Amino acid sequence: MKSNKIFWALAIIVATVFGMQQLQAADGVDVKLAQSMNMQGALLLDVREPDEYSAVHATNAKLIPLGQLESRLQEIATYKDQPVVVICRSGRRSAQAVAMLKEAGYSQVSNVKGGTLAWEKEGLSVVRM
């Protein structure tokens, strides 16, 4: 009986966290606004893996994979109080990165809705290696 309550409590916690990540992935700026912000000096931060980035990435995007972000924050420290738009493939990893950056004190961080998929679909400038 006690283990059943623990199971349900854990299930609720996991569902809540997953739901929050889904919501965060949906929030953010659209790709055209993200491109405009980047052209005006905002950092466009790509948090995908190097092979994904090599295949295609938004022009001017800086790569720091999500798994390395916390240990590489010093590379983007000059943007702590400046606009940062975070992009991934579809918006989930970038939502996680936005949360990490906000926790680290970055004050102007936005998720790019739809990620690189939406960027390409909109016909915005990309680099293929």
N, C-alpha and C. Protein backbone atom coordinates (compact mmCIF):
# COMPACT_ATOMS: atom_id res chain seq x y z
N MET A 1 0.82 -1.19 0.00
CA MET A 1 0.00 0.00 0.00
C MET A 1 0.87 1.26 0.00
N LYS A 2 1.90 1.29 0.88
CA LYS A 2 2.80 2.43 0.96
C LYS A 2 3.58 2.61 -0.35
N SER A 3 4.05 1.50 -0.94
CA SER A 3 4.80 1.60 -2.19
C SER A 3 3.91 2.08 -3.33
N ASN A 4 2.62 1.77 -3.26
CA ASN A 4 1.67 2.24 -4.27
C ASN A 4 1.55 3.77 -4.21
N LYS A 5 1.51 4.33 -3.00
CA LYS A 5 1.42 5.79 -2.83
C LYS A 5 2.70 6.46 -3.34
N ILE A 6 3.83 5.85 -3.05
CA ILE A 6 5.10 6.40 -3.53
C ILE A 6 5.14 6.38 -5.05
N PHE A 7 4.70 5.29 -5.64
CA PHE A 7 4.65 5.18 -7.10
C PHE A 7 3.82 6.31 -7.70
N TRP A 8 2.63 6.52 -7.16
CA TRP A 8 1.74 7.55 -7.71
C TRP A 8 2.30 8.95 -7.48
N ALA A 9 2.93 9.16 -6.35
CA ALA A 9 3.55 10.46 -6.09
C ALA A 9 4.66 10.74 -7.10
N LEU A 10 5.49 9.74 -7.36
CA LEU A 10 6.56 9.90 -8.35
C LEU A 10 5.98 10.10 -9.75
N ALA A 11 4.93 9.36 -10.08
CA ALA A 11 4.30 9.50 -11.40
C ALA A 11 3.76 10.91 -11.59
N ILE A 12 3.18 11.49 -10.56
CA ILE A 12 2.65 12.85 -10.65
C ILE A 12 3.79 13.85 -10.82
N ILE A 13 4.86 13.66 -10.09
CA ILE A 13 6.02 14.56 -10.20
C ILE A 13 6.60 14.51 -11.61
N VAL A 14 6.80 13.32 -12.15
CA VAL A 14 7.35 13.17 -13.50
C VAL A 14 6.42 13.80 -14.52
N ALA A 15 5.13 13.58 -14.41
CA ALA A 15 4.16 14.15 -15.34
C ALA A 15 4.16 15.67 -15.28
N THR A 16 4.29 16.22 -14.08
CA THR A 16 4.32 17.67 -13.91
C THR A 16 5.57 18.26 -14.56
N VAL A 17 6.72 17.67 -14.31
CA VAL A 17 7.97 18.15 -14.92
C VAL A 17 7.89 18.07 -16.44
N PHE A 18 7.42 16.94 -16.96
CA PHE A 18 7.30 16.77 -18.41
C PHE A 18 6.34 17.81 -18.98
N GLY A 19 5.24 18.04 -18.31
CA GLY A 19 4.27 19.04 -18.77
C GLY A 19 4.85 20.43 -18.79
N MET A 20 5.64 20.77 -17.79
CA MET A 20 6.28 22.08 -17.74
C MET A 20 7.27 22.24 -18.88
N GLN A 21 8.02 21.18 -19.20
CA GLN A 21 8.97 21.25 -20.31
C GLN A 21 8.22 21.44 -21.63
N GLN A 22 7.10 20.76 -21.79
CA GLN A 22 6.30 20.91 -23.00
C GLN A 22 5.80 22.35 -23.14
N LEU A 23 5.34 22.92 -22.03
CA LEU A 23 4.85 24.28 -22.05
C LEU A 23 5.98 25.25 -22.38
N GLN A 24 7.14 25.05 -21.76
CA GLN A 24 8.27 25.93 -22.03
C GLN A 24 8.69 25.84 -23.49
N ALA A 25 8.64 24.64 -24.07
CA ALA A 25 9.02 24.49 -25.47
C ALA A 25 8.08 25.25 -26.38
N ALA A 26 6.82 25.38 -25.98
CA ALA A 26 5.84 26.10 -26.80
C ALA A 26 6.00 27.61 -26.66
N ASP A 27 6.48 28.08 -25.51
CA ASP A 27 6.67 29.51 -25.28
C ASP A 27 7.91 29.99 -26.01
N GLY A 28 8.01 31.28 -26.22
CA GLY A 28 9.22 31.83 -26.80
C GLY A 28 8.93 32.77 -27.94
N VAL A 29 9.95 33.00 -28.75
CA VAL A 29 9.85 33.92 -29.88
C VAL A 29 9.82 33.13 -31.19
N ASP A 30 9.13 33.69 -32.18
CA ASP A 30 9.12 32.99 -33.47
C ASP A 30 10.45 33.22 -34.19
N VAL A 31 10.69 32.44 -35.22
CA VAL A 31 11.99 32.45 -35.88
C VAL A 31 12.32 33.79 -36.53
N LYS A 32 11.33 34.47 -37.06
CA LYS A 32 11.60 35.77 -37.69
C LYS A 32 12.04 36.80 -36.65
N LEU A 33 11.39 36.79 -35.49
CA LEU A 33 11.81 37.70 -34.43
C LEU A 33 13.19 37.32 -33.92
N ALA A 34 13.45 36.02 -33.80
CA ALA A 34 14.77 35.56 -33.35
C ALA A 34 15.86 36.02 -34.32
N GLN A 35 15.60 35.90 -35.62
CA GLN A 35 16.57 36.35 -36.61
C GLN A 35 16.79 37.85 -36.50
N SER A 36 15.72 38.60 -36.35
CA SER A 36 15.83 40.05 -36.21
C SER A 36 16.62 40.42 -34.95
N MET A 37 16.34 39.74 -33.85
CA MET A 37 17.07 40.00 -32.61
C MET A 37 18.56 39.72 -32.80
N ASN A 38 18.88 38.62 -33.49
CA ASN A 38 20.27 38.27 -33.75
C ASN A 38 20.94 39.34 -34.61
N MET A 39 20.24 39.83 -35.59
CA MET A 39 20.80 40.86 -36.47
C MET A 39 21.03 42.16 -35.71
N GLN A 40 20.32 42.35 -34.61
CA GLN A 40 20.48 43.55 -33.78
C GLN A 40 21.45 43.34 -32.62
N GLY A 41 22.14 42.19 -32.61
CA GLY A 41 23.18 41.97 -31.61
C GLY A 41 22.92 40.90 -30.58
N ALA A 42 21.73 40.30 -30.57
CA ALA A 42 21.47 39.22 -29.61
C ALA A 42 22.29 38.00 -29.98
N LEU A 43 22.67 37.24 -28.98
CA LEU A 43 23.36 35.98 -29.21
C LEU A 43 22.34 34.94 -29.64
N LEU A 44 22.61 34.25 -30.74
CA LEU A 44 21.80 33.11 -31.18
C LEU A 44 22.57 31.87 -30.78
N LEU A 45 22.09 31.17 -29.76
CA LEU A 45 22.79 30.04 -29.17
C LEU A 45 22.13 28.73 -29.57
N ASP A 46 22.87 27.89 -30.28
CA ASP A 46 22.39 26.58 -30.72
C ASP A 46 22.86 25.54 -29.71
N VAL A 47 21.92 24.79 -29.14
CA VAL A 47 22.27 23.83 -28.09
C VAL A 47 22.15 22.37 -28.55
N ARG A 48 22.16 22.16 -29.87
CA ARG A 48 22.12 20.80 -30.41
C ARG A 48 23.51 20.18 -30.35
N GLU A 49 23.62 18.96 -30.81
CA GLU A 49 24.90 18.25 -30.85
C GLU A 49 25.70 18.69 -32.08
N PRO A 50 27.04 18.55 -32.04
CA PRO A 50 27.88 19.01 -33.15
C PRO A 50 27.50 18.42 -34.52
N ASP A 51 27.09 17.15 -34.58
CA ASP A 51 26.72 16.57 -35.88
C ASP A 51 25.45 17.21 -36.42
N GLU A 52 24.51 17.55 -35.56
CA GLU A 52 23.29 18.23 -35.99
C GLU A 52 23.63 19.63 -36.50
N TYR A 53 24.47 20.32 -35.76
CA TYR A 53 24.89 21.67 -36.11
C TYR A 53 25.62 21.67 -37.45
N SER A 54 26.49 20.68 -37.66
CA SER A 54 27.24 20.57 -38.92
C SER A 54 26.32 20.35 -40.11
N ALA A 55 25.26 19.59 -39.90
CA ALA A 55 24.33 19.30 -40.99
C ALA A 55 23.62 20.57 -41.44
N VAL A 56 23.13 21.36 -40.51
CA VAL A 56 22.45 22.63 -40.83
C VAL A 56 22.29 23.44 -39.55
N HIS A 57 22.57 24.73 -39.67
CA HIS A 57 22.33 25.62 -38.54
C HIS A 57 22.01 27.02 -39.03
N ALA A 58 21.33 27.76 -38.20
CA ALA A 58 21.00 29.14 -38.52
C ALA A 58 22.29 29.95 -38.64
N THR A 59 22.32 30.82 -39.62
CA THR A 59 23.48 31.68 -39.81
C THR A 59 23.73 32.48 -38.52
N ASN A 60 24.98 32.58 -38.13
CA ASN A 60 25.44 33.31 -36.94
C ASN A 60 25.17 32.60 -35.63
N ALA A 61 24.70 31.36 -35.66
CA ALA A 61 24.44 30.64 -34.42
C ALA A 61 25.74 30.13 -33.81
N LYS A 62 25.86 30.29 -32.50
CA LYS A 62 27.02 29.77 -31.75
C LYS A 62 26.62 28.44 -31.15
N LEU A 63 27.44 27.43 -31.35
CA LEU A 63 27.16 26.09 -30.83
C LEU A 63 27.74 25.88 -29.45
N ILE A 64 26.87 25.54 -28.51
CA ILE A 64 27.27 24.99 -27.21
C ILE A 64 26.21 23.93 -26.91
N PRO A 65 26.54 22.66 -27.07
CA PRO A 65 25.57 21.60 -26.82
C PRO A 65 24.98 21.68 -25.41
N LEU A 66 23.72 21.33 -25.27
CA LEU A 66 23.03 21.43 -23.99
C LEU A 66 23.81 20.74 -22.87
N GLY A 67 24.37 19.58 -23.13
CA GLY A 67 25.11 18.85 -22.11
C GLY A 67 26.38 19.55 -21.64
N GLN A 68 26.86 20.51 -22.42
CA GLN A 68 28.07 21.25 -22.07
C GLN A 68 27.79 22.67 -21.59
N LEU A 69 26.55 23.08 -21.68
CA LEU A 69 26.22 24.48 -21.43
C LEU A 69 26.67 24.97 -20.06
N GLU A 70 26.35 24.23 -19.02
CA GLU A 70 26.69 24.68 -17.67
C GLU A 70 28.19 24.89 -17.50
N SER A 71 29.00 24.00 -18.07
CA SER A 71 30.45 24.11 -17.90
C SER A 71 31.09 25.13 -18.85
N ARG A 72 30.32 25.62 -19.82
CA ARG A 72 30.87 26.58 -20.79
C ARG A 72 30.23 27.96 -20.71
N LEU A 73 29.55 28.26 -19.62
CA LEU A 73 28.88 29.55 -19.48
C LEU A 73 29.83 30.73 -19.60
N GLN A 74 31.10 30.54 -19.22
CA GLN A 74 32.07 31.64 -19.30
C GLN A 74 32.24 32.13 -20.74
N GLU A 75 31.98 31.27 -21.72
CA GLU A 75 32.11 31.65 -23.13
C GLU A 75 31.07 32.67 -23.56
N ILE A 76 29.96 32.72 -22.84
CA ILE A 76 28.90 33.66 -23.21
C ILE A 76 28.58 34.63 -22.08
N ALA A 77 29.50 34.77 -21.14
CA ALA A 77 29.30 35.62 -19.96
C ALA A 77 28.99 37.07 -20.32
N THR A 78 29.51 37.55 -21.44
CA THR A 78 29.25 38.94 -21.84
C THR A 78 27.78 39.18 -22.19
N TYR A 79 27.04 38.11 -22.37
CA TYR A 79 25.61 38.22 -22.72
C TYR A 79 24.69 38.07 -21.50
N LYS A 80 25.24 38.07 -20.30
CA LYS A 80 24.43 37.83 -19.11
C LYS A 80 23.28 38.83 -18.97
N ASP A 81 23.51 40.07 -19.37
CA ASP A 81 22.47 41.10 -19.29
C ASP A 81 22.05 41.60 -20.67
N GLN A 82 22.27 40.77 -21.68
CA GLN A 82 21.91 41.12 -23.05
C GLN A 82 20.99 40.02 -23.61
N PRO A 83 20.31 40.31 -24.71
CA PRO A 83 19.41 39.30 -25.28
C PRO A 83 20.14 38.05 -25.78
N VAL A 84 19.59 36.90 -25.42
CA VAL A 84 20.08 35.60 -25.88
C VAL A 84 18.86 34.84 -26.38
N VAL A 85 18.92 34.38 -27.64
CA VAL A 85 17.85 33.53 -28.17
C VAL A 85 18.44 32.14 -28.37
N VAL A 86 17.76 31.13 -27.84
CA VAL A 86 18.29 29.77 -27.81
C VAL A 86 17.50 28.90 -28.78
N ILE A 87 18.25 28.17 -29.61
CA ILE A 87 17.62 27.34 -30.64
C ILE A 87 18.15 25.91 -30.56
N CYS A 88 17.30 24.97 -30.90
CA CYS A 88 17.70 23.56 -31.02
C CYS A 88 17.02 23.02 -32.28
N ARG A 89 16.64 21.77 -32.29
CA ARG A 89 15.98 21.21 -33.46
C ARG A 89 14.52 21.65 -33.52
N SER A 90 13.80 21.46 -32.38
CA SER A 90 12.37 21.73 -32.40
C SER A 90 11.88 22.62 -31.27
N GLY A 91 12.70 22.85 -30.26
CA GLY A 91 12.33 23.74 -29.16
C GLY A 91 12.39 23.12 -27.78
N ARG A 92 12.58 21.82 -27.66
CA ARG A 92 12.60 21.19 -26.34
C ARG A 92 13.92 21.41 -25.61
N ARG A 93 15.02 21.08 -26.27
CA ARG A 93 16.33 21.27 -25.61
C ARG A 93 16.58 22.74 -25.33
N SER A 94 16.16 23.59 -26.25
CA SER A 94 16.38 25.02 -26.03
C SER A 94 15.55 25.52 -24.84
N ALA A 95 14.37 24.94 -24.61
CA ALA A 95 13.58 25.30 -23.42
C ALA A 95 14.34 24.93 -22.16
N GLN A 96 15.00 23.77 -22.17
CA GLN A 96 15.81 23.37 -21.01
C GLN A 96 16.97 24.34 -20.83
N ALA A 97 17.60 24.73 -21.94
CA ALA A 97 18.73 25.66 -21.88
C ALA A 97 18.28 27.02 -21.35
N VAL A 98 17.11 27.48 -21.77
CA VAL A 98 16.58 28.75 -21.28
C VAL A 98 16.45 28.69 -19.76
N ALA A 99 15.90 27.61 -19.25
CA ALA A 99 15.75 27.46 -17.80
C ALA A 99 17.12 27.48 -17.10
N MET A 100 18.10 26.79 -17.67
CA MET A 100 19.45 26.77 -17.10
C MET A 100 20.05 28.16 -17.09
N LEU A 101 19.91 28.88 -18.19
CA LEU A 101 20.49 30.22 -18.30
C LEU A 101 19.82 31.18 -17.31
N LYS A 102 18.51 31.10 -17.20
CA LYS A 102 17.81 31.96 -16.24
C LYS A 102 18.28 31.66 -14.82
N GLU A 103 18.44 30.39 -14.50
CA GLU A 103 18.92 30.00 -13.17
C GLU A 103 20.33 30.53 -12.93
N ALA A 104 21.12 30.64 -14.00
CA ALA A 104 22.49 31.13 -13.89
C ALA A 104 22.56 32.66 -13.89
N GLY A 105 21.40 33.32 -13.96
CA GLY A 105 21.37 34.77 -13.86
C GLY A 105 21.27 35.52 -15.17
N TYR A 106 21.07 34.82 -16.28
CA TYR A 106 20.90 35.50 -17.56
C TYR A 106 19.49 36.10 -17.58
N SER A 107 19.42 37.39 -17.87
CA SER A 107 18.16 38.11 -17.66
C SER A 107 17.27 38.24 -18.89
N GLN A 108 17.82 38.08 -20.09
CA GLN A 108 17.04 38.31 -21.30
C GLN A 108 17.15 37.10 -22.24
N VAL A 109 16.59 35.98 -21.82
CA VAL A 109 16.73 34.73 -22.55
C VAL A 109 15.38 34.32 -23.14
N SER A 110 15.40 33.91 -24.41
CA SER A 110 14.18 33.47 -25.09
C SER A 110 14.43 32.17 -25.83
N ASN A 111 13.40 31.35 -25.91
CA ASN A 111 13.43 30.11 -26.66
C ASN A 111 12.91 30.40 -28.08
N VAL A 112 13.56 29.84 -29.08
CA VAL A 112 13.10 29.98 -30.46
C VAL A 112 12.04 28.90 -30.72
N LYS A 113 10.79 29.32 -30.88
CA LYS A 113 9.69 28.39 -31.11
C LYS A 113 9.90 27.61 -32.41
N GLY A 114 9.80 26.31 -32.31
CA GLY A 114 9.92 25.46 -33.49
C GLY A 114 11.34 25.14 -33.89
N GLY A 115 12.32 25.80 -33.30
CA GLY A 115 13.72 25.50 -33.53
C GLY A 115 14.19 25.62 -34.97
N THR A 116 15.23 24.86 -35.26
CA THR A 116 15.85 24.88 -36.59
C THR A 116 14.87 24.39 -37.66
N LEU A 117 13.99 23.48 -37.29
CA LEU A 117 12.99 23.00 -38.25
C LEU A 117 12.13 24.17 -38.74
N ALA A 118 11.65 25.00 -37.81
CA ALA A 118 10.84 26.15 -38.18
C ALA A 118 11.67 27.20 -38.92
N TRP A 119 12.92 27.36 -38.50
CA TRP A 119 13.82 28.32 -39.14
C TRP A 119 13.97 27.99 -40.63
N GLU A 120 14.26 26.74 -40.91
CA GLU A 120 14.40 26.29 -42.29
C GLU A 120 13.09 26.40 -43.05
N LYS A 121 12.01 25.97 -42.44
CA LYS A 121 10.69 26.00 -43.09
C LYS A 121 10.32 27.42 -43.49
N GLU A 122 10.74 28.39 -42.67
CA GLU A 122 10.43 29.80 -42.95
C GLU A 122 11.35 30.37 -44.03
N GLY A 123 12.34 29.59 -44.45
CA GLY A 123 13.25 30.04 -45.52
C GLY A 123 14.32 31.01 -45.05
N LEU A 124 14.60 31.02 -43.75
CA LEU A 124 15.63 31.91 -43.23
C LEU A 124 17.01 31.36 -43.50
N SER A 125 18.00 32.20 -43.41
CA SER A 125 19.37 31.88 -43.77
C SER A 125 19.96 30.77 -42.88
N VAL A 126 20.49 29.74 -43.54
CA VAL A 126 21.13 28.62 -42.83
C VAL A 126 22.50 28.34 -43.45
N VAL A 127 23.31 27.62 -42.69
CA VAL A 127 24.63 27.18 -43.15
C VAL A 127 24.61 25.65 -43.17
N ARG A 128 25.10 25.09 -44.25
CA ARG A 128 25.25 23.63 -44.36
C ARG A 128 26.74 23.37 -44.56
N MET A 129 27.28 22.42 -43.78
CA MET A 129 28.72 22.14 -43.89
C MET A 129 28.96 20.85 -44.62
